[in-house]
Amino acid sequence: MVGNPANTNALIVIHNAPDLNPKNISSMMRLDHNRAIAQVARKLSQPIGNIKKMVVWGNHSCTQYPDLSHAEIRGSKVLDILPDHNWVESEFIPTVQKRGMVVIEARGLSSAASAANAAIGHMHDWILGSHHDDWVTMSVLSDGSYDIPAGVVYGFPVTCHNGDYKIVQNLPISEITPIYAGKLS
């Protein structure tokens, strides 16, 4: 599902197409995932391809939470090499959360090319597989992982293989992360 509200639209399809396997329905968080990676790459003057293990929890909206606590650059934690930790709260999170709105305000239109590129990346990884040392963010039907109620379409870190995805399990969640505090919708 690409059209907004993407997570809600995916849930509507799941509930109204009982012959479809719910694991065959997801909504795209890849645009937000790509935006988060681009922000980190720009801040640390790194190629985008060096940023791994990004997570954007939640919904494709301003309530999402781009989480750097697991992100890596060439095996090092982003948070360990980030020179300015205030940047995370003051610039990184709000920029990723509100980027779509900023683009629409500036252009009068959405970022169709970025969304199309994200849709291609989403489907590419889902069908052909994500990299063995990385994961991607997809909104999928929750199985109760990370205390997100089962049956909610939610952005999780996933690995993909042969057209299937699996939610990455057992990531430590920081007490400041809204998912931990039950504040993320």
N, C-alpha and C. Protein backbone atom coordinates (compact mmCIF):
# COMPACT_ATOMS: atom_id res chain seq x y z
N MET A 1 0.85 -1.16 0.00
CA MET A 1 0.00 0.00 0.00
C MET A 1 0.90 1.23 0.00
N VAL A 2 0.63 2.14 -0.89
CA VAL A 2 1.43 3.36 -0.99
C VAL A 2 0.59 4.58 -0.63
N GLY A 3 -0.67 4.59 -1.01
CA GLY A 3 -1.52 5.76 -0.79
C GLY A 3 -1.83 5.99 0.67
N ASN A 4 -1.81 7.25 1.07
CA ASN A 4 -2.09 7.61 2.46
C ASN A 4 -3.58 7.65 2.75
N PRO A 5 -3.98 7.31 3.95
CA PRO A 5 -3.16 6.85 5.06
C PRO A 5 -2.75 5.38 4.85
N ALA A 6 -1.49 5.17 4.55
CA ALA A 6 -1.00 3.88 4.07
C ALA A 6 -1.25 2.73 5.05
N ASN A 7 -0.91 2.92 6.33
CA ASN A 7 -1.12 1.84 7.29
C ASN A 7 -2.60 1.51 7.44
N THR A 8 -3.43 2.54 7.50
CA THR A 8 -4.88 2.33 7.61
C THR A 8 -5.42 1.65 6.36
N ASN A 9 -4.97 2.09 5.19
CA ASN A 9 -5.42 1.47 3.95
C ASN A 9 -5.03 0.00 3.89
N ALA A 10 -3.83 -0.33 4.35
CA ALA A 10 -3.40 -1.74 4.37
C ALA A 10 -4.30 -2.54 5.31
N LEU A 11 -4.63 -1.99 6.45
CA LEU A 11 -5.51 -2.68 7.40
C LEU A 11 -6.90 -2.88 6.82
N ILE A 12 -7.40 -1.89 6.10
CA ILE A 12 -8.71 -2.02 5.44
C ILE A 12 -8.68 -3.16 4.43
N VAL A 13 -7.62 -3.24 3.64
CA VAL A 13 -7.50 -4.33 2.66
C VAL A 13 -7.47 -5.67 3.39
N ILE A 14 -6.67 -5.76 4.45
CA ILE A 14 -6.57 -7.02 5.20
C ILE A 14 -7.94 -7.47 5.70
N HIS A 15 -8.72 -6.54 6.22
CA HIS A 15 -10.03 -6.89 6.77
C HIS A 15 -11.11 -7.12 5.71
N ASN A 16 -10.90 -6.59 4.51
CA ASN A 16 -11.94 -6.70 3.48
C ASN A 16 -11.57 -7.61 2.32
N ALA A 17 -10.45 -8.26 2.40
CA ALA A 17 -10.03 -9.22 1.37
C ALA A 17 -9.60 -10.52 2.07
N PRO A 18 -10.58 -11.23 2.63
CA PRO A 18 -10.25 -12.41 3.45
C PRO A 18 -9.56 -13.53 2.68
N ASP A 19 -9.63 -13.52 1.36
CA ASP A 19 -8.96 -14.56 0.58
C ASP A 19 -7.47 -14.28 0.38
N LEU A 20 -7.04 -13.06 0.71
CA LEU A 20 -5.62 -12.72 0.59
C LEU A 20 -4.91 -13.04 1.91
N ASN A 21 -3.73 -13.56 1.80
CA ASN A 21 -2.91 -13.80 2.97
C ASN A 21 -2.46 -12.44 3.52
N PRO A 22 -2.73 -12.14 4.79
CA PRO A 22 -2.32 -10.84 5.34
C PRO A 22 -0.81 -10.58 5.22
N LYS A 23 0.01 -11.64 5.13
CA LYS A 23 1.45 -11.43 4.96
C LYS A 23 1.79 -10.93 3.56
N ASN A 24 0.81 -10.92 2.65
CA ASN A 24 1.02 -10.40 1.30
C ASN A 24 0.64 -8.93 1.19
N ILE A 25 0.33 -8.31 2.32
CA ILE A 25 -0.08 -6.91 2.32
C ILE A 25 0.84 -6.15 3.27
N SER A 26 1.40 -5.09 2.78
CA SER A 26 2.23 -4.22 3.62
C SER A 26 2.01 -2.79 3.16
N SER A 27 2.43 -1.87 4.00
CA SER A 27 2.41 -0.48 3.55
C SER A 27 3.82 0.06 3.61
N MET A 28 4.04 1.05 2.81
CA MET A 28 5.40 1.50 2.55
C MET A 28 5.89 2.50 3.60
N MET A 29 6.91 2.08 4.31
CA MET A 29 7.67 2.98 5.19
C MET A 29 9.03 3.26 4.57
N ARG A 30 9.27 2.73 3.38
CA ARG A 30 10.59 2.84 2.76
C ARG A 30 10.96 4.29 2.46
N LEU A 31 9.98 5.12 2.13
CA LEU A 31 10.28 6.52 1.88
C LEU A 31 10.84 7.16 3.14
N ASP A 32 10.23 6.88 4.28
CA ASP A 32 10.71 7.41 5.56
C ASP A 32 12.07 6.81 5.91
N HIS A 33 12.22 5.52 5.67
CA HIS A 33 13.49 4.81 5.89
C HIS A 33 14.60 5.46 5.05
N ASN A 34 14.31 5.70 3.78
CA ASN A 34 15.30 6.34 2.89
C ASN A 34 15.64 7.76 3.36
N ARG A 35 14.64 8.49 3.80
CA ARG A 35 14.87 9.86 4.28
C ARG A 35 15.75 9.85 5.53
N ALA A 36 15.52 8.90 6.41
CA ALA A 36 16.33 8.79 7.63
C ALA A 36 17.78 8.49 7.28
N ILE A 37 17.98 7.54 6.38
CA ILE A 37 19.34 7.20 5.95
C ILE A 37 20.01 8.40 5.30
N ALA A 38 19.29 9.12 4.46
CA ALA A 38 19.86 10.28 3.77
C ALA A 38 20.29 11.36 4.77
N GLN A 39 19.49 11.58 5.82
CA GLN A 39 19.84 12.58 6.82
C GLN A 39 21.14 12.21 7.53
N VAL A 40 21.27 10.92 7.91
CA VAL A 40 22.48 10.47 8.59
C VAL A 40 23.69 10.56 7.66
N ALA A 41 23.51 10.12 6.43
CA ALA A 41 24.61 10.16 5.46
C ALA A 41 25.10 11.59 5.26
N ARG A 42 24.17 12.51 5.14
CA ARG A 42 24.54 13.92 4.96
C ARG A 42 25.27 14.45 6.19
N LYS A 43 24.73 14.16 7.37
CA LYS A 43 25.32 14.67 8.61
C LYS A 43 26.74 14.16 8.80
N LEU A 44 26.99 12.89 8.46
CA LEU A 44 28.30 12.29 8.71
C LEU A 44 29.17 12.21 7.45
N SER A 45 28.73 12.87 6.37
CA SER A 45 29.48 12.88 5.10
C SER A 45 29.86 11.46 4.67
N GLN A 46 28.86 10.60 4.64
CA GLN A 46 29.04 9.20 4.26
C GLN A 46 28.17 8.86 3.07
N PRO A 47 28.58 7.91 2.25
CA PRO A 47 27.68 7.43 1.20
C PRO A 47 26.46 6.74 1.82
N ILE A 48 25.33 6.91 1.18
CA ILE A 48 24.09 6.30 1.66
C ILE A 48 24.25 4.80 1.86
N GLY A 49 24.98 4.13 0.98
CA GLY A 49 25.16 2.69 1.07
C GLY A 49 25.91 2.22 2.31
N ASN A 50 26.56 3.14 3.02
CA ASN A 50 27.28 2.76 4.24
C ASN A 50 26.38 2.71 5.48
N ILE A 51 25.16 3.24 5.38
CA ILE A 51 24.26 3.29 6.53
C ILE A 51 23.42 2.02 6.54
N LYS A 52 23.47 1.29 7.64
CA LYS A 52 22.75 0.02 7.79
C LYS A 52 21.92 0.04 9.07
N LYS A 53 20.96 -0.85 9.12
CA LYS A 53 20.15 -1.13 10.31
C LYS A 53 19.38 0.08 10.84
N MET A 54 18.82 0.84 9.91
CA MET A 54 17.93 1.94 10.26
C MET A 54 16.57 1.36 10.61
N VAL A 55 15.90 1.98 11.55
CA VAL A 55 14.54 1.60 11.91
C VAL A 55 13.68 2.86 11.94
N VAL A 56 12.50 2.78 11.35
CA VAL A 56 11.50 3.83 11.50
C VAL A 56 10.25 3.13 12.02
N TRP A 57 10.01 3.28 13.30
CA TRP A 57 8.89 2.63 13.96
C TRP A 57 7.58 3.36 13.67
N GLY A 58 6.49 2.63 13.57
CA GLY A 58 5.17 3.25 13.59
C GLY A 58 4.45 3.37 12.28
N ASN A 59 3.97 4.57 12.03
CA ASN A 59 3.06 4.85 10.93
C ASN A 59 3.72 5.85 9.97
N HIS A 60 3.35 5.76 8.71
CA HIS A 60 3.83 6.72 7.71
C HIS A 60 3.08 8.04 7.94
N SER A 61 3.54 8.77 8.95
CA SER A 61 2.92 10.04 9.33
C SER A 61 3.89 10.76 10.26
N CYS A 62 3.46 11.88 10.77
CA CYS A 62 4.33 12.64 11.68
C CYS A 62 4.44 11.99 13.05
N THR A 63 3.74 10.86 13.29
CA THR A 63 3.87 10.15 14.56
C THR A 63 4.95 9.07 14.51
N GLN A 64 5.54 8.84 13.35
CA GLN A 64 6.60 7.83 13.24
C GLN A 64 7.79 8.20 14.11
N TYR A 65 8.63 7.19 14.39
CA TYR A 65 9.83 7.46 15.17
C TYR A 65 11.05 6.89 14.47
N PRO A 66 11.82 7.74 13.78
CA PRO A 66 13.08 7.29 13.19
C PRO A 66 14.09 7.08 14.32
N ASP A 67 14.58 5.86 14.44
CA ASP A 67 15.36 5.43 15.59
C ASP A 67 16.80 5.13 15.17
N LEU A 68 17.74 5.88 15.70
CA LEU A 68 19.15 5.68 15.38
C LEU A 68 19.86 4.71 16.32
N SER A 69 19.18 4.17 17.30
CA SER A 69 19.87 3.38 18.31
C SER A 69 20.49 2.09 17.77
N HIS A 70 20.07 1.64 16.59
CA HIS A 70 20.65 0.42 16.00
C HIS A 70 21.41 0.70 14.71
N ALA A 71 21.30 1.91 14.20
CA ALA A 71 21.92 2.26 12.92
C ALA A 71 23.44 2.16 13.01
N GLU A 72 24.02 1.68 11.90
CA GLU A 72 25.47 1.48 11.85
C GLU A 72 26.05 2.08 10.57
N ILE A 73 27.32 2.44 10.67
CA ILE A 73 28.13 2.83 9.52
C ILE A 73 29.39 1.98 9.57
N ARG A 74 29.56 1.14 8.58
CA ARG A 74 30.72 0.26 8.49
C ARG A 74 31.01 -0.44 9.81
N GLY A 75 29.96 -0.94 10.47
CA GLY A 75 30.11 -1.71 11.70
C GLY A 75 30.15 -0.90 12.98
N SER A 76 30.20 0.43 12.89
CA SER A 76 30.19 1.28 14.08
C SER A 76 28.80 1.85 14.28
N LYS A 77 28.38 1.95 15.53
CA LYS A 77 27.08 2.54 15.83
C LYS A 77 27.08 4.02 15.47
N VAL A 78 26.06 4.47 14.77
CA VAL A 78 25.93 5.87 14.39
C VAL A 78 25.99 6.76 15.64
N LEU A 79 25.29 6.38 16.69
CA LEU A 79 25.26 7.21 17.89
C LEU A 79 26.63 7.34 18.55
N ASP A 80 27.51 6.36 18.32
CA ASP A 80 28.85 6.44 18.90
C ASP A 80 29.76 7.41 18.16
N ILE A 81 29.49 7.64 16.89
CA ILE A 81 30.36 8.53 16.10
C ILE A 81 29.71 9.86 15.76
N LEU A 82 28.47 10.02 16.13
CA LEU A 82 27.76 11.27 15.85
C LEU A 82 28.34 12.39 16.72
N PRO A 83 28.83 13.46 16.09
CA PRO A 83 29.47 14.51 16.88
C PRO A 83 28.49 15.35 17.69
N ASP A 84 27.22 15.38 17.30
CA ASP A 84 26.26 16.27 17.93
C ASP A 84 24.99 15.48 18.26
N HIS A 85 24.87 15.04 19.49
CA HIS A 85 23.70 14.24 19.87
C HIS A 85 22.42 15.07 19.96
N ASN A 86 22.55 16.38 20.15
CA ASN A 86 21.36 17.25 20.13
C ASN A 86 20.71 17.26 18.76
N TRP A 87 21.50 17.01 17.72
CA TRP A 87 20.99 16.98 16.34
C TRP A 87 19.89 15.94 16.18
N VAL A 88 19.98 14.83 16.89
CA VAL A 88 19.00 13.75 16.77
C VAL A 88 17.61 14.27 17.10
N GLU A 89 17.45 14.89 18.26
CA GLU A 89 16.14 15.38 18.69
C GLU A 89 15.72 16.68 18.00
N SER A 90 16.68 17.57 17.76
CA SER A 90 16.33 18.89 17.24
C SER A 90 16.17 18.92 15.72
N GLU A 91 16.90 18.06 14.99
CA GLU A 91 16.83 18.11 13.53
C GLU A 91 16.44 16.78 12.89
N PHE A 92 17.13 15.70 13.24
CA PHE A 92 16.94 14.43 12.56
C PHE A 92 15.49 13.94 12.66
N ILE A 93 15.00 13.75 13.86
CA ILE A 93 13.65 13.20 14.03
C ILE A 93 12.60 14.09 13.38
N PRO A 94 12.56 15.40 13.68
CA PRO A 94 11.52 16.22 13.04
C PRO A 94 11.66 16.31 11.52
N THR A 95 12.89 16.31 11.01
CA THR A 95 13.07 16.38 9.56
C THR A 95 12.50 15.14 8.89
N VAL A 96 12.78 13.96 9.42
CA VAL A 96 12.26 12.73 8.83
C VAL A 96 10.74 12.69 8.98
N GLN A 97 10.24 13.04 10.15
CA GLN A 97 8.80 12.99 10.39
C GLN A 97 8.01 13.93 9.49
N LYS A 98 8.56 15.09 9.19
CA LYS A 98 7.80 16.14 8.49
C LYS A 98 8.25 16.38 7.06
N ARG A 99 9.16 15.56 6.54
CA ARG A 99 9.73 15.83 5.21
C ARG A 99 8.67 15.86 4.12
N GLY A 100 7.73 14.93 4.16
CA GLY A 100 6.68 14.91 3.14
C GLY A 100 5.88 16.19 3.12
N MET A 101 5.54 16.69 4.30
CA MET A 101 4.78 17.93 4.40
C MET A 101 5.59 19.11 3.87
N VAL A 102 6.88 19.15 4.17
CA VAL A 102 7.75 20.24 3.71
C VAL A 102 7.83 20.23 2.18
N VAL A 103 7.95 19.05 1.59
CA VAL A 103 8.02 18.94 0.13
C VAL A 103 6.71 19.43 -0.50
N ILE A 104 5.59 19.03 0.06
CA ILE A 104 4.29 19.46 -0.48
C ILE A 104 4.14 20.97 -0.36
N GLU A 105 4.54 21.54 0.77
CA GLU A 105 4.45 23.00 0.94
C GLU A 105 5.34 23.73 -0.05
N ALA A 106 6.53 23.19 -0.32
CA ALA A 106 7.47 23.86 -1.23
C ALA A 106 7.07 23.72 -2.69
N ARG A 107 6.62 22.52 -3.08
CA ARG A 107 6.32 22.25 -4.48
C ARG A 107 4.85 22.39 -4.84
N GLY A 108 3.99 22.27 -3.83
CA GLY A 108 2.56 22.19 -4.10
C GLY A 108 2.15 20.79 -4.52
N LEU A 109 3.11 19.88 -4.54
CA LEU A 109 2.89 18.49 -4.93
C LEU A 109 3.72 17.59 -4.03
N SER A 110 3.35 16.32 -3.99
CA SER A 110 4.16 15.37 -3.22
C SER A 110 5.44 15.04 -3.99
N SER A 111 6.31 14.34 -3.32
CA SER A 111 7.58 13.94 -3.93
C SER A 111 7.38 12.62 -4.67
N ALA A 112 6.69 12.67 -5.79
CA ALA A 112 6.31 11.46 -6.53
C ALA A 112 7.52 10.63 -6.94
N ALA A 113 8.59 11.26 -7.37
CA ALA A 113 9.77 10.50 -7.80
C ALA A 113 10.40 9.77 -6.62
N SER A 114 10.48 10.43 -5.46
CA SER A 114 11.03 9.78 -4.26
C SER A 114 10.14 8.63 -3.82
N ALA A 115 8.83 8.85 -3.88
CA ALA A 115 7.89 7.78 -3.49
C ALA A 115 7.98 6.61 -4.46
N ALA A 116 8.12 6.89 -5.74
CA ALA A 116 8.24 5.82 -6.73
C ALA A 116 9.53 5.03 -6.50
N ASN A 117 10.62 5.73 -6.25
CA ASN A 117 11.89 5.06 -5.95
C ASN A 117 11.76 4.20 -4.69
N ALA A 118 11.09 4.72 -3.68
CA ALA A 118 10.90 3.96 -2.44
C ALA A 118 10.03 2.72 -2.69
N ALA A 119 8.99 2.86 -3.51
CA ALA A 119 8.13 1.71 -3.83
C ALA A 119 8.93 0.63 -4.55
N ILE A 120 9.79 1.04 -5.46
CA ILE A 120 10.64 0.08 -6.17
C ILE A 120 11.58 -0.62 -5.18
N GLY A 121 12.21 0.14 -4.30
CA GLY A 121 13.10 -0.45 -3.30
C GLY A 121 12.36 -1.40 -2.37
N HIS A 122 11.16 -1.02 -1.94
CA HIS A 122 10.33 -1.84 -1.07
C HIS A 122 10.04 -3.19 -1.73
N MET A 123 9.55 -3.14 -2.96
CA MET A 123 9.20 -4.38 -3.66
C MET A 123 10.45 -5.19 -4.01
N HIS A 124 11.52 -4.53 -4.41
CA HIS A 124 12.77 -5.23 -4.74
C HIS A 124 13.24 -6.07 -3.55
N ASP A 125 13.32 -5.45 -2.38
CA ASP A 125 13.81 -6.18 -1.22
C ASP A 125 12.82 -7.24 -0.77
N TRP A 126 11.54 -6.95 -0.83
CA TRP A 126 10.52 -7.92 -0.41
C TRP A 126 10.59 -9.17 -1.29
N ILE A 127 10.69 -8.99 -2.59
CA ILE A 127 10.69 -10.12 -3.51
C ILE A 127 12.07 -10.78 -3.61
N LEU A 128 13.12 -9.99 -3.77
CA LEU A 128 14.45 -10.54 -4.02
C LEU A 128 15.30 -10.69 -2.75
N GLY A 129 14.87 -10.07 -1.66
CA GLY A 129 15.58 -10.22 -0.40
C GLY A 129 16.36 -8.99 -0.01
N SER A 130 16.39 -8.75 1.29
CA SER A 130 17.20 -7.66 1.83
C SER A 130 18.63 -8.18 1.99
N HIS A 131 19.55 -7.27 2.17
CA HIS A 131 20.95 -7.65 2.33
C HIS A 131 21.12 -8.46 3.61
N HIS A 132 22.01 -9.42 3.58
CA HIS A 132 22.18 -10.34 4.71
C HIS A 132 22.62 -9.64 6.00
N ASP A 133 23.26 -8.51 5.91
CA ASP A 133 23.75 -7.83 7.10
C ASP A 133 22.95 -6.56 7.42
N ASP A 134 21.72 -6.51 6.93
CA ASP A 134 20.92 -5.30 7.07
C ASP A 134 19.45 -5.67 7.18
N TRP A 135 18.64 -4.70 7.48
CA TRP A 135 17.19 -4.84 7.43
C TRP A 135 16.60 -3.60 6.82
N VAL A 136 15.32 -3.63 6.54
CA VAL A 136 14.59 -2.49 6.01
C VAL A 136 13.36 -2.28 6.88
N THR A 137 12.75 -1.12 6.75
CA THR A 137 11.52 -0.84 7.48
C THR A 137 10.33 -1.09 6.56
N MET A 138 9.39 -1.89 7.04
CA MET A 138 8.12 -2.13 6.34
C MET A 138 7.00 -2.06 7.37
N SER A 139 5.85 -1.52 6.97
CA SER A 139 4.67 -1.61 7.83
C SER A 139 3.97 -2.91 7.49
N VAL A 140 3.88 -3.75 8.50
CA VAL A 140 3.28 -5.07 8.33
C VAL A 140 2.32 -5.32 9.49
N LEU A 141 1.52 -6.34 9.36
CA LEU A 141 0.57 -6.70 10.40
C LEU A 141 1.35 -7.18 11.63
N SER A 142 1.15 -6.53 12.74
CA SER A 142 1.88 -6.88 13.96
C SER A 142 1.47 -8.26 14.45
N ASP A 143 2.46 -8.98 14.92
CA ASP A 143 2.23 -10.28 15.56
C ASP A 143 2.37 -10.16 17.07
N GLY A 144 2.41 -8.94 17.57
CA GLY A 144 2.60 -8.68 18.99
C GLY A 144 4.03 -8.34 19.35
N SER A 145 4.94 -8.37 18.36
CA SER A 145 6.33 -8.02 18.62
C SER A 145 6.44 -6.62 19.20
N TYR A 146 7.39 -6.44 20.09
CA TYR A 146 7.69 -5.16 20.72
C TYR A 146 6.47 -4.56 21.41
N ASP A 147 5.58 -5.43 21.87
CA ASP A 147 4.36 -5.03 22.58
C ASP A 147 3.42 -4.16 21.75
N ILE A 148 3.58 -4.19 20.42
CA ILE A 148 2.61 -3.55 19.54
C ILE A 148 1.47 -4.55 19.39
N PRO A 149 0.24 -4.16 19.68
CA PRO A 149 -0.86 -5.12 19.66
C PRO A 149 -0.97 -5.87 18.32
N ALA A 150 -1.17 -7.17 18.41
CA ALA A 150 -1.38 -7.98 17.21
C ALA A 150 -2.57 -7.42 16.44
N GLY A 151 -2.44 -7.40 15.11
CA GLY A 151 -3.52 -6.94 14.26
C GLY A 151 -3.41 -5.48 13.84
N VAL A 152 -2.39 -4.77 14.32
CA VAL A 152 -2.15 -3.38 13.92
C VAL A 152 -1.10 -3.38 12.81
N VAL A 153 -1.30 -2.58 11.77
CA VAL A 153 -0.27 -2.43 10.74
C VAL A 153 0.70 -1.37 11.23
N TYR A 154 1.97 -1.74 11.31
CA TYR A 154 2.96 -0.93 12.03
C TYR A 154 4.32 -1.07 11.37
N GLY A 155 5.11 -0.01 11.38
CA GLY A 155 6.45 -0.05 10.82
C GLY A 155 7.42 -0.75 11.75
N PHE A 156 8.03 -1.82 11.24
CA PHE A 156 9.01 -2.61 11.99
C PHE A 156 10.26 -2.78 11.13
N PRO A 157 11.39 -3.09 11.78
CA PRO A 157 12.54 -3.54 11.01
C PRO A 157 12.28 -4.98 10.58
N VAL A 158 12.50 -5.26 9.30
CA VAL A 158 12.27 -6.62 8.79
C VAL A 158 13.45 -7.05 7.92
N THR A 159 13.61 -8.36 7.83
CA THR A 159 14.48 -8.94 6.83
C THR A 159 13.59 -9.64 5.83
N CYS A 160 14.01 -9.66 4.59
CA CYS A 160 13.21 -10.26 3.52
C CYS A 160 14.02 -11.35 2.84
N HIS A 161 13.31 -12.42 2.46
CA HIS A 161 13.94 -13.52 1.74
C HIS A 161 12.86 -14.28 0.98
N ASN A 162 13.09 -14.46 -0.34
CA ASN A 162 12.17 -15.23 -1.19
C ASN A 162 10.71 -14.79 -1.07
N GLY A 163 10.46 -13.49 -1.08
CA GLY A 163 9.09 -12.98 -1.07
C GLY A 163 8.42 -13.01 0.29
N ASP A 164 9.17 -13.30 1.32
CA ASP A 164 8.62 -13.32 2.68
C ASP A 164 9.41 -12.32 3.52
N TYR A 165 8.82 -11.88 4.59
CA TYR A 165 9.51 -10.99 5.52
C TYR A 165 9.40 -11.56 6.92
N LYS A 166 10.34 -11.18 7.75
CA LYS A 166 10.31 -11.53 9.17
C LYS A 166 10.67 -10.28 9.95
N ILE A 167 9.88 -10.03 10.98
CA ILE A 167 10.18 -8.91 11.86
C ILE A 167 11.46 -9.25 12.62
N VAL A 168 12.41 -8.31 12.63
CA VAL A 168 13.64 -8.48 13.41
C VAL A 168 13.23 -8.49 14.89
N GLN A 169 13.64 -9.51 15.59
CA GLN A 169 13.22 -9.69 16.98
C GLN A 169 14.31 -9.29 17.97
N ASN A 170 13.85 -9.01 19.18
CA ASN A 170 14.71 -8.85 20.35
C ASN A 170 15.70 -7.69 20.28
N LEU A 171 15.35 -6.65 19.54
CA LEU A 171 16.20 -5.46 19.59
C LEU A 171 15.98 -4.76 20.92
N PRO A 172 17.04 -4.36 21.57
CA PRO A 172 16.83 -3.58 22.80
C PRO A 172 16.20 -2.24 22.45
N ILE A 173 15.24 -1.85 23.23
CA ILE A 173 14.53 -0.60 23.00
C ILE A 173 14.88 0.37 24.13
N SER A 174 15.37 1.53 23.77
CA SER A 174 15.76 2.55 24.74
C SER A 174 14.53 3.07 25.47
N GLU A 175 14.74 3.45 26.71
CA GLU A 175 13.64 4.03 27.49
C GLU A 175 13.16 5.36 26.92
N ILE A 176 13.98 6.02 26.12
CA ILE A 176 13.54 7.30 25.54
C ILE A 176 12.79 7.10 24.23
N THR A 177 12.83 5.89 23.67
CA THR A 177 12.14 5.61 22.42
C THR A 177 10.64 5.54 22.68
N PRO A 178 9.83 6.29 21.93
CA PRO A 178 8.39 6.30 22.17
C PRO A 178 7.74 4.91 22.13
N ILE A 179 8.28 3.97 21.36
CA ILE A 179 7.70 2.63 21.31
C ILE A 179 7.76 2.01 22.70
N TYR A 180 8.84 2.24 23.43
CA TYR A 180 9.03 1.68 24.76
C TYR A 180 8.02 2.29 25.73
N ALA A 181 7.81 3.55 25.60
CA ALA A 181 6.93 4.25 26.52
C ALA A 181 5.45 4.12 26.13
N GLY A 182 5.16 3.39 25.05
CA GLY A 182 3.78 3.24 24.62
C GLY A 182 3.18 4.49 24.04
N LYS A 183 4.03 5.42 23.60
CA LYS A 183 3.56 6.71 23.08
C LYS A 183 3.45 6.73 21.57
N LEU A 184 3.90 5.70 20.90
CA LEU A 184 3.95 5.71 19.46
C LEU A 184 2.69 5.09 18.89
N SER A 185 2.07 5.78 17.96
CA SER A 185 0.85 5.23 17.35
C SER A 185 1.11 4.86 15.91
